[in-house]
Amino acid sequence: MKIAFVFPGQGAQYVGMAQDYIDQDPIAKQSLLDFDVAHGTQLYRAMLEGPEELLKQTSLTQPAILFHSICALRKFQEQYKVMPDFVAGHSLGEFSALVASGILNLEDAMHIVHKRGEYMTQAVGDIPFAMAAVIGLDADSVTAVCQEISKQALVQAVNYNTPMQTVISGTAEGVRLASELARAKGAKRAIPLVVGGPFHTPLVGKASGWLIEEMSKFSFHQGQIPVVSNLDAQPSLDGDVARDKLGRQIISAVQWVESVRFMISCGVTHFIEFGPQKVLTGMIKNIDKEVQIYSIDRIVDIAELKEVLN
């Protein structure tokens, strides 16, 4: 049996996330409180009490999901001595994958993704922006739609989530026009997303430079588990390679479909998602219906893997 551990990105958060892990682990709780003191934030309150609008702030959403994902992973590892063949994460989730591999430690990763969230929001300036999930149209067609509309207004296909779900991002006008054209070409829906910026496009280009500079302050170690990158769907253990790819990932498309297909081509038959909700579980099912997928959001979910892993 070959196994991959996968980690969700922004949008998976919910008020009350990681509550059971924090209740059982005073060290985890203290690490959140220390984070708030160090960064002048309200991450602990946002995660456990909300309101939802506070948790939706990109600079808090990103460390919140990362923290929850690693809490779930570590609790799982207390019960099962399973070493995956690969780790991978969707956009923000790639940082969780780097922690799981040993390339980054959790404290450094939380700081970096907090700053990443700030940079992604600040880089946009006053440009009206939007993102939308196009459902029911194949990725090549969505890409072609974006190329056509970009002759008038910037819009790009940025998250290749499943063969029939692609997220587009760009100016508000570009996303509106692309959504209309996609529906005209057969898309079932084009769902607007509530986001803090036109992520994974040149419109957040400044954020890439800022993030590269910030990441240069931290140690990226040699990994223990290959990390499959969003950028090119290829694995690496090299910390310097990971840092370079993260700098480019912020303005590049998330190649999630190809990442999953790569792992399956290497023999992976079981995926375990760690983090809030079951976002990647649904995506992977729509990429390949033959693989086995499990999701660990809360502590109670861990027991469901007993028969599979023992």
Protein backbone atom coordinates (compact mmCIF):
# COMPACT_ATOMS: atom_id res chain seq x y z
CA MET A 1 0.00 0.00 0.00
CA LYS A 2 1.36 3.42 -0.98
CA ILE A 3 -0.04 6.40 0.91
CA ALA A 4 -0.03 10.18 0.40
CA PHE A 5 -0.84 12.75 3.07
CA VAL A 6 -2.58 15.85 1.68
CA PHE A 7 -3.46 19.21 3.20
CA PRO A 8 -6.20 21.74 2.29
CA GLY A 9 -5.85 25.39 1.41
CA GLN A 10 -7.78 28.58 2.04
CA GLY A 11 -11.56 28.21 2.21
CA ALA A 12 -11.61 25.15 4.48
CA GLN A 13 -11.72 27.19 7.70
CA TYR A 14 -14.68 27.31 10.10
CA VAL A 15 -15.31 28.84 13.51
CA GLY A 16 -14.52 26.24 16.16
CA MET A 17 -11.77 24.62 14.09
CA ALA A 18 -9.12 22.65 16.02
CA GLN A 19 -11.14 23.03 19.25
CA ASP A 20 -10.77 19.37 20.27
CA TYR A 21 -7.02 19.35 19.64
CA ILE A 22 -6.53 22.52 21.66
CA ASP A 23 -8.67 21.19 24.52
CA GLN A 24 -6.48 18.09 24.78
CA ASP A 25 -3.11 19.76 24.30
CA PRO A 26 -2.11 22.74 26.51
CA ILE A 27 1.08 23.15 24.46
CA ALA A 28 -0.94 23.64 21.27
CA LYS A 29 -3.12 26.22 23.00
CA GLN A 30 -0.09 28.07 24.30
CA SER A 31 1.51 28.13 20.87
CA LEU A 32 -1.55 29.95 19.50
CA LEU A 33 -1.49 32.45 22.36
CA ASP A 34 2.23 33.00 21.81
CA PHE A 35 1.57 33.56 18.10
CA ASP A 36 -0.98 36.26 18.94
CA VAL A 37 1.45 38.03 21.26
CA ALA A 38 4.28 37.87 18.72
CA HIS A 39 2.17 39.12 15.80
CA GLY A 40 -0.39 41.36 17.49
CA THR A 41 -3.23 39.22 16.16
CA GLN A 42 -6.38 37.48 17.40
CA LEU A 43 -5.81 34.07 15.83
CA TYR A 44 -6.90 32.10 18.90
CA ARG A 45 -10.16 34.05 19.16
CA ALA A 46 -10.80 33.89 15.41
CA MET A 47 -10.44 30.12 15.30
CA LEU A 48 -12.40 29.21 18.41
CA GLU A 49 -14.94 32.02 18.75
CA GLY A 50 -15.04 33.92 15.48
CA PRO A 51 -16.77 35.91 14.19
CA GLU A 52 -16.50 34.37 10.77
CA GLU A 53 -15.51 37.71 9.23
CA LEU A 54 -12.44 37.82 11.47
CA LEU A 55 -11.43 34.29 10.56
CA LYS A 56 -11.85 35.11 6.86
CA GLN A 57 -9.03 37.66 7.02
CA THR A 58 -6.39 36.06 4.83
CA SER A 59 -3.57 36.75 7.28
CA LEU A 60 -5.46 34.73 9.93
CA THR A 61 -7.09 32.12 7.70
CA GLN A 62 -3.76 30.83 6.47
CA PRO A 63 -2.07 30.14 9.85
CA ALA A 64 -5.38 28.81 11.21
CA ILE A 65 -5.67 26.12 8.53
CA LEU A 66 -1.98 25.28 8.76
CA PHE A 67 -2.22 24.91 12.55
CA HIS A 68 -5.34 22.72 12.38
CA SER A 69 -3.80 20.51 9.71
CA ILE A 70 -0.63 19.87 11.69
CA CYS A 71 -2.58 19.27 14.92
CA ALA A 72 -4.57 16.58 13.09
CA LEU A 73 -1.42 15.07 11.61
CA ARG A 74 0.40 14.93 14.94
CA LYS A 75 -2.55 13.40 16.76
CA PHE A 76 -2.80 10.79 14.02
CA GLN A 77 0.92 10.04 14.32
CA GLU A 78 0.53 9.38 18.04
CA GLN A 79 -1.59 6.35 17.14
CA TYR A 80 -0.21 5.21 13.79
CA LYS A 81 3.45 4.94 12.82
CA VAL A 82 2.77 5.51 9.15
CA MET A 83 5.33 7.10 6.86
CA PRO A 84 3.67 8.31 3.65
CA ASP A 85 5.29 7.99 0.26
CA PHE A 86 4.40 11.58 -0.64
CA VAL A 87 2.95 14.72 0.91
CA ALA A 88 1.20 17.50 -0.97
CA GLY A 89 -1.00 20.49 -0.22
CA HIS A 90 -3.35 22.72 -2.16
CA SER A 91 -1.87 26.25 -2.40
CA LEU A 92 -1.55 27.29 1.26
CA GLY A 93 -1.63 23.56 2.09
CA GLU A 94 1.80 23.15 0.52
CA PHE A 95 3.22 24.81 3.65
CA SER A 96 1.51 22.14 5.78
CA ALA A 97 3.08 19.52 3.53
CA LEU A 98 6.51 21.09 4.09
CA VAL A 99 6.01 20.88 7.85
CA ALA A 100 4.94 17.24 7.51
CA SER A 101 8.08 16.52 5.50
CA GLY A 102 10.37 18.27 7.99
CA ILE A 103 11.45 21.01 5.58
CA LEU A 104 9.88 23.71 7.80
CA ASN A 105 9.04 23.74 11.49
CA LEU A 106 5.50 24.70 12.50
CA GLU A 107 6.36 27.99 14.20
CA ASP A 108 8.30 29.29 11.20
CA ALA A 109 5.64 28.09 8.76
CA MET A 110 2.86 29.85 10.70
CA HIS A 111 4.80 33.11 10.66
CA ILE A 112 5.50 32.81 6.93
CA VAL A 113 1.90 32.06 5.95
CA HIS A 114 0.64 34.91 8.18
CA LYS A 115 2.93 37.28 6.26
CA ARG A 116 1.95 35.57 2.99
CA GLY A 117 -1.68 36.39 3.74
CA GLU A 118 -0.83 40.00 4.48
CA TYR A 119 1.24 40.31 1.31
CA MET A 120 -1.43 38.75 -0.90
CA THR A 121 -3.97 41.26 0.36
CA GLN A 122 -1.67 44.30 0.27
CA ALA A 123 -0.30 43.59 -3.22
CA VAL A 124 -3.64 44.20 -4.93
CA GLY A 125 -3.96 47.85 -3.97
CA ASP A 126 -7.19 49.42 -5.26
CA ILE A 127 -7.66 47.14 -8.26
CA PRO A 128 -11.19 45.60 -8.32
CA PHE A 129 -10.65 41.84 -8.35
CA ALA A 130 -12.57 38.57 -8.21
CA MET A 131 -12.25 34.80 -8.25
CA ALA A 132 -14.80 32.20 -9.30
CA ALA A 133 -15.06 28.42 -9.51
CA VAL A 134 -16.15 27.23 -12.95
CA ILE A 135 -18.05 23.94 -12.65
CA GLY A 136 -18.92 21.51 -15.42
CA LEU A 137 -16.48 22.65 -18.11
CA ASP A 138 -13.18 20.91 -18.82
CA ALA A 139 -9.94 22.64 -17.87
CA ASP A 140 -8.73 23.20 -21.45
CA SER A 141 -11.97 24.98 -22.31
CA VAL A 142 -11.78 27.17 -19.21
CA THR A 143 -8.18 28.05 -20.04
CA ALA A 144 -9.23 28.97 -23.58
CA VAL A 145 -12.06 31.14 -22.24
CA CYS A 146 -9.61 33.03 -20.03
CA GLN A 147 -7.20 33.54 -22.91
CA GLU A 148 -10.01 34.97 -25.03
CA ILE A 149 -11.28 37.33 -22.32
CA SER A 150 -7.76 38.47 -21.38
CA LYS A 151 -7.68 40.37 -24.66
CA GLN A 152 -10.08 42.75 -22.88
CA ALA A 153 -9.45 42.27 -19.15
CA LEU A 154 -7.02 40.13 -17.17
CA VAL A 155 -8.31 36.73 -16.05
CA GLN A 156 -6.51 33.41 -15.68
CA ALA A 157 -7.25 29.79 -14.83
CA VAL A 158 -5.42 29.43 -11.53
CA ASN A 159 -6.59 26.33 -9.63
CA TYR A 160 -6.96 23.11 -11.62
CA ASN A 161 -8.93 21.36 -8.88
CA THR A 162 -10.65 18.54 -10.78
CA PRO A 163 -11.08 17.72 -14.47
CA MET A 164 -14.38 19.63 -14.40
CA GLN A 165 -13.71 22.32 -11.76
CA THR A 166 -11.29 25.14 -12.42
CA VAL A 167 -10.95 28.35 -10.44
CA ILE A 168 -10.39 31.58 -12.37
CA SER A 169 -8.88 34.75 -10.96
CA GLY A 170 -8.17 38.28 -12.12
CA THR A 171 -9.79 41.67 -12.39
CA ALA A 172 -13.46 41.89 -11.46
CA GLU A 173 -14.34 42.65 -15.09
CA GLY A 174 -12.21 39.80 -16.42
CA VAL A 175 -13.75 37.23 -14.08
CA ARG A 176 -17.28 38.48 -14.84
CA LEU A 177 -16.78 38.23 -18.60
CA ALA A 178 -15.03 34.87 -18.36
CA SER A 179 -17.81 33.49 -16.16
CA GLU A 180 -20.40 34.57 -18.71
CA LEU A 181 -18.47 33.05 -21.62
CA ALA A 182 -17.84 29.82 -19.70
CA ARG A 183 -21.57 29.42 -19.06
CA ALA A 184 -22.26 30.11 -22.71
CA LYS A 185 -19.83 27.30 -23.62
CA GLY A 186 -21.55 24.80 -21.35
CA ALA A 187 -20.34 25.37 -17.80
CA LYS A 188 -23.03 24.45 -15.28
CA ARG A 189 -22.08 27.22 -12.89
CA ALA A 190 -19.50 29.92 -12.22
CA ILE A 191 -19.54 30.45 -8.46
CA PRO A 192 -18.03 33.70 -7.10
CA LEU A 193 -15.55 33.08 -4.26
CA VAL A 194 -15.09 35.28 -1.21
CA VAL A 195 -11.35 35.97 -1.25
CA GLY A 196 -8.87 38.62 -0.19
CA GLY A 197 -7.26 39.06 -3.58
CA PRO A 198 -6.86 37.75 -7.15
CA PHE A 199 -4.62 34.92 -5.97
CA HIS A 200 -2.16 33.11 -8.27
CA THR A 201 -2.11 35.91 -10.86
CA PRO A 202 0.37 38.68 -11.76
CA LEU A 203 -1.95 41.10 -9.93
CA VAL A 204 -0.37 39.88 -6.69
CA GLY A 205 3.12 39.97 -8.18
CA LYS A 206 4.49 42.23 -5.45
CA ALA A 207 3.53 39.60 -2.90
CA SER A 208 5.89 37.13 -4.56
CA GLY A 209 8.88 39.41 -4.06
CA TRP A 210 7.91 40.23 -0.49
CA LEU A 211 7.41 36.55 0.34
CA ILE A 212 10.75 35.53 -1.18
CA GLU A 213 12.48 38.14 0.96
CA GLU A 214 10.64 37.02 4.11
CA MET A 215 11.36 33.33 3.50
CA SER A 216 15.07 34.08 3.15
CA LYS A 217 15.13 34.73 6.91
CA PHE A 218 14.18 31.12 7.72
CA SER A 219 15.79 27.71 7.44
CA PHE A 220 14.36 25.31 4.87
CA HIS A 221 15.81 21.90 5.70
CA GLN A 222 16.26 18.68 3.75
CA GLY A 223 12.93 16.87 3.83
CA GLN A 224 12.20 13.33 4.95
CA ILE A 225 9.19 12.79 2.65
CA PRO A 226 8.96 13.96 -0.99
CA VAL A 227 6.76 17.04 -1.36
CA VAL A 228 4.80 17.23 -4.62
CA SER A 229 4.74 20.87 -5.67
CA ASN A 230 1.71 22.82 -6.87
CA LEU A 231 3.95 24.55 -9.38
CA ASP A 232 4.92 21.59 -11.54
CA ALA A 233 3.42 18.47 -9.89
CA GLN A 234 6.94 17.14 -9.25
CA PRO A 235 8.41 15.83 -5.98
CA SER A 236 11.41 17.15 -4.07
CA LEU A 237 13.13 16.77 -0.71
CA ASP A 238 15.29 19.87 -1.17
CA GLY A 239 14.49 22.83 1.09
CA ASP A 240 16.02 25.38 -1.27
CA VAL A 241 13.92 24.03 -4.13
CA ALA A 242 10.83 24.24 -1.94
CA ARG A 243 11.54 27.87 -1.06
CA ASP A 244 12.05 28.80 -4.71
CA LYS A 245 8.83 27.08 -5.79
CA LEU A 246 6.80 28.76 -3.03
CA GLY A 247 7.96 32.16 -4.24
CA ARG A 248 6.67 31.38 -7.72
CA GLN A 249 3.58 29.46 -6.59
CA ILE A 250 1.89 32.62 -5.31
CA ILE A 251 1.59 33.97 -8.88
CA SER A 252 1.24 30.64 -10.69
CA ALA A 253 -1.55 28.13 -11.26
CA VAL A 254 -2.12 25.35 -8.74
CA GLN A 255 -1.62 22.09 -10.64
CA TRP A 256 -3.69 19.96 -8.27
CA VAL A 257 -5.10 17.52 -10.83
CA GLU A 258 -1.63 16.78 -12.20
CA SER A 259 -0.20 16.49 -8.66
CA VAL A 260 -2.77 13.84 -7.72
CA ARG A 261 -2.31 12.02 -11.01
CA PHE A 262 1.45 12.01 -10.52
CA MET A 263 1.14 10.39 -7.10
CA ILE A 264 -1.29 7.80 -8.45
CA SER A 265 1.10 7.06 -11.33
CA CYS A 266 3.76 6.33 -8.69
CA GLY A 267 1.49 3.72 -7.11
CA VAL A 268 -0.36 5.72 -4.45
CA THR A 269 -3.66 4.01 -3.68
CA HIS A 270 -4.61 5.71 -0.39
CA PHE A 271 -4.86 9.43 0.39
CA ILE A 272 -5.35 10.85 3.88
CA GLU A 273 -6.43 14.49 4.15
CA PHE A 274 -5.48 16.35 7.34
CA GLY A 275 -7.23 19.60 8.17
CA PRO A 276 -10.58 21.34 8.43
CA GLN A 277 -13.50 19.87 6.46
CA LYS A 278 -13.13 17.51 3.49
CA VAL A 279 -12.29 19.79 0.60
CA LEU A 280 -9.52 17.73 -0.99
CA THR A 281 -11.37 14.47 -0.39
CA GLY A 282 -14.09 15.63 -2.77
CA MET A 283 -11.57 16.85 -5.33
CA ILE A 284 -9.59 13.62 -5.35
CA LYS A 285 -12.76 11.55 -5.75
CA ASN A 286 -13.49 13.55 -8.88
CA ILE A 287 -9.97 13.00 -10.21
CA ASP A 288 -9.86 9.23 -9.67
CA LYS A 289 -12.72 7.18 -8.29
CA GLU A 290 -10.58 4.08 -7.73
CA VAL A 291 -8.31 5.38 -4.96
CA GLN A 292 -9.20 5.26 -1.27
CA ILE A 293 -9.53 8.62 0.49
CA TYR A 294 -9.86 9.40 4.19
CA SER A 295 -10.29 12.73 5.93
CA ILE A 296 -9.16 13.72 9.42
CA ASP A 297 -10.74 16.95 10.59
CA ARG A 298 -11.50 16.11 14.24
CA ILE A 299 -9.93 13.65 16.67
CA VAL A 300 -12.86 11.26 16.34
CA ASP A 301 -12.05 10.83 12.65
CA ILE A 302 -8.75 9.14 13.46
CA ALA A 303 -10.41 5.99 14.79
CA GLU A 304 -12.01 5.36 11.39
CA LEU A 305 -8.61 4.41 9.96
CA LYS A 306 -7.98 1.62 12.48
CA GLU A 307 -9.07 -1.20 10.19
CA VAL A 308 -7.23 0.29 7.22
CA LEU A 309 -3.85 0.84 8.85
CA ASN A 310 -3.58 -1.93 11.44
